[in-house]
């Protein structure tokens, strides 16, 4: 397969389209992921309606390079947001850094796993007790500079790690966390504009809509 179906927002024309594009080729330290499910949230709507503006609108080889802090396992000072600054998961295939992957147990459905790194981990991190030492995790799911600055200021000295996502995966796969009620509907990737329309107009009062390639 040389091409794939993918949703793309074109900054020059402010248009969102689903089209056939080349399958991405992983570079050093990267992995090609076959996407089984991808969540749709208000951040996606705000990117398309112009409320959010990408910090790095021009993709380049620099996307795959690590900053000095990333290389030392410290909080990144050049944070990029998947789907805003770089290509996201609204496609049949996506690229990910190998050290950011979290295994998904067979008993955890893909649609539930898809919402853990954003819709679930954000409130989860917000309600954990911090004993006055600052947050272990802070997630900016809006892509707004003021939010990023506030999140960074609230972090403890050691910053964050992907441990909360791994923990939530374990809780969900063990049946201790039921995410199914949070999923309102499944929509084929080819009709990716539909969930955006439904979110914008609150049609059916959706909680989380899932795109299925």
Protein backbone atom coordinates (compact mmCIF):
# COMPACT_ATOMS: atom_id res chain seq x y z
CA UNK A 1 0.00 0.00 0.00
CA UNK A 2 1.62 3.25 -1.19
CA UNK A 3 -1.23 5.59 -0.30
CA UNK A 4 -3.72 5.85 2.52
CA UNK A 5 -6.84 7.76 3.49
CA UNK A 6 -6.16 10.70 5.81
CA UNK A 7 -7.88 13.81 7.10
CA UNK A 8 -5.91 16.98 6.49
CA UNK A 9 -6.55 20.60 7.43
CA UNK A 10 -5.02 23.03 4.93
CA UNK A 11 -3.92 26.25 6.63
CA UNK A 12 -3.67 28.22 3.38
CA UNK A 13 -7.31 27.63 2.44
CA UNK A 14 -8.73 26.85 5.91
CA UNK A 15 -10.35 23.74 4.49
CA UNK A 16 -10.56 20.27 5.98
CA UNK A 17 -10.50 17.39 3.51
CA UNK A 18 -10.20 13.62 3.59
CA UNK A 19 -7.97 12.46 0.75
CA UNK A 20 -5.52 9.83 -0.45
CA UNK A 21 -1.99 10.73 0.66
CA UNK A 22 1.33 8.86 0.73
CA UNK A 23 1.83 6.43 3.59
CA UNK A 24 4.41 8.03 5.91
CA UNK A 25 7.84 6.45 6.13
CA UNK A 26 9.30 6.07 9.63
CA UNK A 27 12.75 7.46 10.30
CA UNK A 28 15.32 6.45 12.93
CA UNK A 29 13.66 5.73 16.26
CA UNK A 30 10.18 5.84 14.75
CA UNK A 31 7.47 3.24 14.15
CA UNK A 32 4.71 3.04 11.54
CA UNK A 33 1.40 2.51 13.37
CA UNK A 34 -1.75 1.09 11.79
CA UNK A 35 -4.54 3.20 13.24
CA UNK A 36 -7.57 1.27 14.50
CA UNK A 37 -9.42 4.11 16.23
CA UNK A 38 -8.94 7.85 16.77
CA UNK A 39 -10.85 10.20 19.03
CA UNK A 40 -12.43 13.48 17.97
CA UNK A 41 -12.50 16.34 20.46
CA UNK A 42 -13.14 20.06 20.72
CA UNK A 43 -9.46 20.80 20.11
CA UNK A 44 -9.90 19.38 16.60
CA UNK A 45 -12.94 21.57 16.04
CA UNK A 46 -11.09 24.64 17.32
CA UNK A 47 -8.17 23.99 14.99
CA UNK A 48 -10.50 23.81 12.02
CA UNK A 49 -12.55 26.87 12.98
CA UNK A 50 -9.38 28.92 13.56
CA UNK A 51 -9.59 29.24 17.34
CA UNK A 52 -6.31 27.32 17.65
CA UNK A 53 -3.23 28.15 15.60
CA UNK A 54 -0.40 25.61 15.14
CA UNK A 55 2.90 26.65 16.70
CA UNK A 56 4.83 24.79 13.97
CA UNK A 57 2.71 25.06 10.80
CA UNK A 58 5.48 23.88 8.45
CA UNK A 59 6.36 20.20 8.78
CA UNK A 60 10.05 19.38 8.37
CA UNK A 61 12.71 16.88 9.32
CA UNK A 62 13.00 18.74 12.62
CA UNK A 63 9.84 16.93 13.72
CA UNK A 64 11.86 13.77 14.31
CA UNK A 65 14.73 15.48 16.12
CA UNK A 66 14.98 15.58 19.89
CA UNK A 67 15.61 18.77 21.83
CA UNK A 68 18.24 18.72 24.56
CA UNK A 69 15.64 18.28 27.30
CA UNK A 70 13.96 15.32 25.56
CA UNK A 71 17.32 13.62 25.17
CA UNK A 72 17.90 14.00 28.94
CA UNK A 73 14.36 12.78 29.78
CA UNK A 74 13.30 16.20 31.03
CA UNK A 75 10.10 18.12 30.19
CA UNK A 76 10.25 19.20 26.56
CA UNK A 77 10.62 22.92 25.91
CA UNK A 78 9.65 22.51 22.24
CA UNK A 79 6.39 20.64 22.72
CA UNK A 80 4.51 19.67 19.59
CA UNK A 81 0.89 18.58 19.63
CA UNK A 82 -0.10 15.64 17.43
CA UNK A 83 -2.86 16.65 15.06
CA UNK A 84 -2.09 20.36 15.53
CA UNK A 85 1.62 20.90 14.94
CA UNK A 86 2.24 17.52 13.30
CA UNK A 87 0.16 14.88 11.52
CA UNK A 88 -2.28 13.17 13.85
CA UNK A 89 -4.18 9.90 13.96
CA UNK A 90 -6.99 10.71 11.53
CA UNK A 91 -5.45 8.37 8.99
CA UNK A 92 -4.96 4.71 8.22
CA UNK A 93 -1.32 4.93 9.32
CA UNK A 94 0.65 7.27 11.58
CA UNK A 95 4.24 7.74 12.71
CA UNK A 96 5.21 7.59 16.40
CA UNK A 97 8.49 7.68 18.29
CA UNK A 98 9.21 4.18 19.55
CA UNK A 99 9.80 5.34 23.13
CA UNK A 100 6.30 6.86 23.33
CA UNK A 101 4.37 3.67 22.59
CA UNK A 102 2.17 1.97 25.20
CA UNK A 103 1.15 -1.68 24.58
CA UNK A 104 -2.60 -2.31 24.43
CA UNK A 105 -3.82 -5.59 25.97
CA UNK A 106 -6.03 -7.76 23.77
CA UNK A 107 -8.97 -7.31 26.15
CA UNK A 108 -8.98 -3.50 25.81
CA UNK A 109 -11.03 -2.33 22.78
CA UNK A 110 -9.25 0.05 20.44
CA UNK A 111 -11.93 2.72 20.75
CA UNK A 112 -11.54 2.87 24.53
CA UNK A 113 -7.74 2.87 24.28
CA UNK A 114 -7.92 5.76 21.81
CA UNK A 115 -9.42 8.18 24.33
CA UNK A 116 -7.11 7.40 27.25
CA UNK A 117 -4.17 9.74 26.39
CA UNK A 118 -6.46 12.78 26.20
CA UNK A 119 -10.03 12.58 27.47
CA UNK A 120 -9.21 10.21 30.35
CA UNK A 121 -5.65 11.00 31.42
CA UNK A 122 -6.28 14.75 31.65
CA UNK A 123 -8.92 14.62 34.42
CA UNK A 124 -7.11 11.65 35.99
CA UNK A 125 -3.95 13.71 36.40
CA UNK A 126 -5.97 16.65 37.70
CA UNK A 127 -7.51 14.69 40.60
CA UNK A 128 -4.37 12.88 41.88
CA UNK A 129 -3.09 14.26 45.34
CA UNK A 130 0.23 16.11 44.92
CA UNK A 131 1.22 16.80 48.56
CA UNK A 132 2.31 20.33 47.63
CA UNK A 133 5.17 19.16 45.41
CA UNK A 134 3.59 20.22 42.13
CA UNK A 135 1.92 18.19 39.40
CA UNK A 136 3.52 15.03 38.05
CA UNK A 137 1.58 15.42 34.80
CA UNK A 138 0.13 18.37 32.93
CA UNK A 139 -1.63 17.98 29.57
CA UNK A 140 -2.38 20.82 27.20
CA UNK A 141 -5.18 19.56 24.97
CA UNK A 142 -6.08 22.99 23.64
CA UNK A 143 -2.79 24.08 22.08
CA UNK A 144 -3.10 27.60 23.53
CA UNK A 145 0.20 29.22 24.67
CA UNK A 146 -1.34 30.52 27.92
CA UNK A 147 -2.49 27.01 28.82
CA UNK A 148 0.96 25.56 28.13
CA UNK A 149 2.60 28.22 30.30
CA UNK A 150 0.18 27.57 33.15
CA UNK A 151 0.67 23.81 32.89
CA UNK A 152 4.46 24.14 32.89
CA UNK A 153 4.37 26.42 35.95
CA UNK A 154 2.27 23.86 37.87
CA UNK A 155 4.67 20.97 37.25
CA UNK A 156 6.89 19.59 39.98
CA UNK A 157 10.66 19.54 39.59
CA UNK A 158 10.78 16.15 37.88
CA UNK A 159 8.07 16.96 35.32
CA UNK A 160 5.85 14.25 33.85
CA UNK A 161 6.06 10.78 32.37
CA UNK A 162 3.82 8.41 30.40
CA UNK A 163 3.16 6.36 33.52
CA UNK A 164 -0.38 7.66 33.98
CA UNK A 165 -1.37 6.47 30.50
CA UNK A 166 0.08 3.03 31.19
CA UNK A 167 -1.73 2.88 34.52
CA UNK A 168 -5.05 3.83 32.93
CA UNK A 169 -4.56 1.18 30.24
CA UNK A 170 -4.09 -1.40 33.00
CA UNK A 171 -7.15 -0.19 34.92
CA UNK A 172 -9.34 -0.30 31.81
CA UNK A 173 -8.08 -3.69 30.62
CA UNK A 174 -8.62 -5.14 34.12
CA UNK A 175 -12.23 -3.99 34.10
CA UNK A 176 -11.72 -1.50 36.94
CA UNK A 177 -12.41 1.46 34.64
CA UNK A 178 -15.32 1.30 32.18
CA UNK A 179 -14.80 3.78 29.35
CA UNK A 180 -17.52 2.43 27.05
CA UNK A 181 -20.23 4.87 28.26
CA UNK A 182 -17.99 7.79 27.23
CA UNK A 183 -18.08 6.78 23.56
CA UNK A 184 -21.09 8.25 21.77
CA UNK A 185 -20.60 6.90 18.25
CA UNK A 186 -18.22 5.44 15.66
CA UNK A 187 -17.78 7.16 12.28
CA UNK A 188 -15.80 5.91 9.25
CA UNK A 189 -12.66 7.96 8.54
CA UNK A 190 -13.99 8.82 5.07
CA UNK A 191 -16.72 10.87 6.77
CA UNK A 192 -14.45 12.66 9.25
CA UNK A 193 -16.20 15.99 8.63
CA UNK A 194 -19.39 14.56 10.20
CA UNK A 195 -18.18 14.38 13.82
CA UNK A 196 -16.76 17.89 13.52
CA UNK A 197 -20.19 19.12 12.44
CA UNK A 198 -21.86 17.20 15.26
CA UNK A 199 -19.49 18.66 17.86
CA UNK A 200 -19.85 22.20 16.55
CA UNK A 201 -23.65 22.09 16.72
CA UNK A 202 -23.85 19.69 19.71
CA UNK A 203 -25.98 17.29 17.70
CA UNK A 204 -26.99 14.42 19.98
CA UNK A 205 -24.95 15.93 22.84
CA UNK A 206 -21.91 13.73 22.05
CA UNK A 207 -19.35 12.86 24.71
CA UNK A 208 -16.63 11.26 22.59
CA UNK A 209 -16.84 10.44 18.89
CA UNK A 210 -14.49 7.86 17.39
CA UNK A 211 -13.16 7.72 13.83
CA UNK A 212 -12.55 4.24 12.48
CA UNK A 213 -10.20 3.95 9.45
